Amino acid sequence: KQVWAMGDRVVFFEPFHELYPSQCKLWHLSPQAVTLREDAFSGEWKFDIAELERALRGARALLLNTPHNPTGKVFKQSELETIANLCVRHDVICVTDEIY
């Protein structure tokens, strides 16, 4: 079954694996990144929930990998729940890239 159509938007976190944008373009999908930012004090990589929600509006899929490549971030249970809730709210399919 086909999951998306040409021109659909795929969201992923940046920094990202270098193949994500080119794989999207290969399948005529529109890539959009949501920035992970490193906290200066804790060194933890975090995302802005509002930024993610804006990106998911009208998107077809979210590409998620945890541990995240290249940061090594392991998303917390609470973060995964937030991501899942946003995907359900915006009818976005979450595709996991289990690299490790």
C-alpha atoms as a PDB file:
ATOM      1  CA  LYS A   1       0.000   0.000   0.000  1.00  0.00           C
ATOM      2  CA  GLN A   2       1.298   3.433  -0.876  1.00  0.00           C
ATOM      3  CA  VAL A   3       1.797   5.656   2.156  1.00  0.00           C
ATOM      4  CA  TRP A   4       2.390   8.995   0.443  1.00  0.00           C
ATOM      5  CA  ALA A   5       2.103  10.726  -2.886  1.00  0.00           C
ATOM      6  CA  MET A   6       4.406  12.932  -4.912  1.00  0.00           C
ATOM      7  CA  GLY A   7       4.726  16.346  -3.311  1.00  0.00           C
ATOM      8  CA  ASP A   8       3.798  15.207   0.206  1.00  0.00           C
ATOM      9  CA  ARG A   9       5.853  16.747   2.991  1.00  0.00           C
ATOM     10  CA  VAL A  10       8.079  14.615   5.231  1.00  0.00           C
ATOM     11  CA  VAL A  11       9.323  16.066   8.519  1.00  0.00           C
ATOM     12  CA  PHE A  12      12.485  15.002  10.351  1.00  0.00           C
ATOM     13  CA  PHE A  13      14.778  16.385  13.029  1.00  0.00           C
ATOM     14  CA  GLU A  14      18.025  18.191  12.240  1.00  0.00           C
ATOM     15  CA  PRO A  15      20.875  17.681  12.422  1.00  0.00           C
ATOM     16  CA  PHE A  16      19.910  14.703  10.276  1.00  0.00           C
ATOM     17  CA  HIS A  17      21.430  11.763   8.465  1.00  0.00           C
ATOM     18  CA  GLU A  18      22.725  13.114   5.171  1.00  0.00           C
ATOM     19  CA  LEU A  19      20.536  10.778   3.111  1.00  0.00           C
ATOM     20  CA  TYR A  20      17.160  11.996   4.385  1.00  0.00           C
ATOM     21  CA  PRO A  21      16.775  15.023   2.056  1.00  0.00           C
ATOM     22  CA  SER A  22      18.080  13.188  -0.998  1.00  0.00           C
ATOM     23  CA  GLN A  23      15.833  10.181  -0.319  1.00  0.00           C
ATOM     24  CA  CYS A  24      12.846  12.527  -0.092  1.00  0.00           C
ATOM     25  CA  LYS A  25      13.755  14.178  -3.375  1.00  0.00           C
ATOM     26  CA  LEU A  26      14.257  10.781  -5.033  1.00  0.00           C
ATOM     27  CA  TRP A  27      10.610   9.967  -4.270  1.00  0.00           C
ATOM     28  CA  HIS A  28       9.431  13.519  -5.097  1.00  0.00           C
ATOM     29  CA  LEU A  29       8.629  14.310  -1.462  1.00  0.00           C
ATOM     30  CA  SER A  30       9.170  17.677   0.168  1.00  0.00           C
ATOM     31  CA  PRO A  31      11.606  17.488   3.115  1.00  0.00           C
ATOM     32  CA  GLN A  32      11.198  19.750   6.147  1.00  0.00           C
ATOM     33  CA  ALA A  33      13.514  19.795   9.154  1.00  0.00           C
ATOM     34  CA  VAL A  34      12.713  20.623  12.775  1.00  0.00           C
ATOM     35  CA  THR A  35      15.798  21.736  14.680  1.00  0.00           C
ATOM     36  CA  LEU A  36      17.155  19.902  17.689  1.00  0.00           C
ATOM     37  CA  ARG A  37      19.051  22.348  19.886  1.00  0.00           C
ATOM     38  CA  GLU A  38      21.724  21.402  22.383  1.00  0.00           C
ATOM     39  CA  ASP A  39      21.101  22.790  25.860  1.00  0.00           C
ATOM     40  CA  ALA A  40      24.194  24.754  26.917  1.00  0.00           C
ATOM     41  CA  PHE A  41      24.052  23.533  30.520  1.00  0.00           C
ATOM     42  CA  SER A  42      22.917  19.915  30.290  1.00  0.00           C
ATOM     43  CA  GLY A  43      24.223  19.058  26.818  1.00  0.00           C
ATOM     44  CA  GLU A  44      20.816  17.504  26.108  1.00  0.00           C
ATOM     45  CA  TRP A  45      19.332  17.874  22.636  1.00  0.00           C
ATOM     46  CA  LYS A  46      15.789  19.278  22.696  1.00  0.00           C
ATOM     47  CA  PHE A  47      13.121  20.244  20.200  1.00  0.00           C
ATOM     48  CA  ASP A  48      10.574  23.022  20.340  1.00  0.00           C
ATOM     49  CA  ILE A  49       7.079  21.533  20.516  1.00  0.00           C
ATOM     50  CA  ALA A  50       5.507  24.523  18.750  1.00  0.00           C
ATOM     51  CA  GLU A  51       8.027  24.264  15.901  1.00  0.00           C
ATOM     52  CA  LEU A  52       7.280  20.556  15.520  1.00  0.00           C
ATOM     53  CA  GLU A  53       3.538  21.168  15.522  1.00  0.00           C
ATOM     54  CA  ARG A  54       3.859  23.871  12.849  1.00  0.00           C
ATOM     55  CA  ALA A  55       5.924  21.504  10.707  1.00  0.00           C
ATOM     56  CA  LEU A  56       3.428  18.653  11.094  1.00  0.00           C
ATOM     57  CA  ARG A  57       0.450  20.728   9.946  1.00  0.00           C
ATOM     58  CA  GLY A  58      -0.223  19.506   6.430  1.00  0.00           C
ATOM     59  CA  ALA A  59       2.656  17.004   6.467  1.00  0.00           C
ATOM     60  CA  ARG A  60       2.143  13.355   5.546  1.00  0.00           C
ATOM     61  CA  ALA A  61       4.933  11.701   7.535  1.00  0.00           C
ATOM     62  CA  LEU A  62       7.440  12.196  10.325  1.00  0.00           C
ATOM     63  CA  LEU A  63      10.709  10.305  10.020  1.00  0.00           C
ATOM     64  CA  LEU A  64      11.988   9.574  13.537  1.00  0.00           C
ATOM     65  CA  ASN A  65      15.072   7.761  14.675  1.00  0.00           C
ATOM     66  CA  THR A  66      16.071   7.124  18.247  1.00  0.00           C
ATOM     67  CA  PRO A  67      18.848   7.010  19.166  1.00  0.00           C
ATOM     68  CA  HIS A  68      19.029   9.982  16.867  1.00  0.00           C
ATOM     69  CA  ASN A  69      21.750  10.041  14.224  1.00  0.00           C
ATOM     70  CA  PRO A  70      24.053  11.988  14.399  1.00  0.00           C
ATOM     71  CA  THR A  71      23.450  13.434  17.909  1.00  0.00           C
ATOM     72  CA  GLY A  72      22.971  10.152  19.766  1.00  0.00           C
ATOM     73  CA  LYS A  73      19.899  11.602  21.498  1.00  0.00           C
ATOM     74  CA  VAL A  74      17.571   9.003  22.935  1.00  0.00           C
ATOM     75  CA  PHE A  75      14.109  10.511  22.994  1.00  0.00           C
ATOM     76  CA  LYS A  76      12.462  10.363  26.428  1.00  0.00           C
ATOM     77  CA  GLN A  77       9.139   8.612  26.911  1.00  0.00           C
ATOM     78  CA  SER A  78       7.454  11.982  27.463  1.00  0.00           C
ATOM     79  CA  GLU A  79       8.924  13.333  24.204  1.00  0.00           C
ATOM     80  CA  LEU A  80       7.760  10.255  22.289  1.00  0.00           C
ATOM     81  CA  GLU A  81       4.279  10.673  23.751  1.00  0.00           C
ATOM     82  CA  THR A  82       4.236  14.330  22.669  1.00  0.00           C
ATOM     83  CA  ILE A  83       5.387  13.368  19.179  1.00  0.00           C
ATOM     84  CA  ALA A  84       2.764  10.594  18.975  1.00  0.00           C
ATOM     85  CA  ASN A  85      -0.019  12.925  20.125  1.00  0.00           C
ATOM     86  CA  LEU A  86       0.964  15.555  17.559  1.00  0.00           C
ATOM     87  CA  CYS A  87       1.083  12.941  14.795  1.00  0.00           C
ATOM     88  CA  VAL A  88      -2.420  11.742  15.719  1.00  0.00           C
ATOM     89  CA  ARG A  89      -3.728  15.330  15.952  1.00  0.00           C
ATOM     90  CA  HIS A  90      -2.407  16.185  12.479  1.00  0.00           C
ATOM     91  CA  ASP A  91      -2.988  12.765  10.840  1.00  0.00           C
ATOM     92  CA  VAL A  92       0.744  12.255  10.245  1.00  0.00           C
ATOM     93  CA  ILE A  93       2.296   8.814   9.858  1.00  0.00           C
ATOM     94  CA  CYS A  94       5.368   8.304  12.034  1.00  0.00           C
ATOM     95  CA  VAL A  95       8.017   6.205  10.303  1.00  0.00           C
ATOM     96  CA  THR A  96      10.815   5.026  12.555  1.00  0.00           C
ATOM     97  CA  ASP A  97      14.375   4.572  11.374  1.00  0.00           C
ATOM     98  CA  GLU A  98      15.847   2.101  13.860  1.00  0.00           C
ATOM     99  CA  ILE A  99      19.504   2.462  13.015  1.00  0.00           C
ATOM    100  CA  TYR A 100      21.100   0.904  16.097  1.00  0.00           C
END
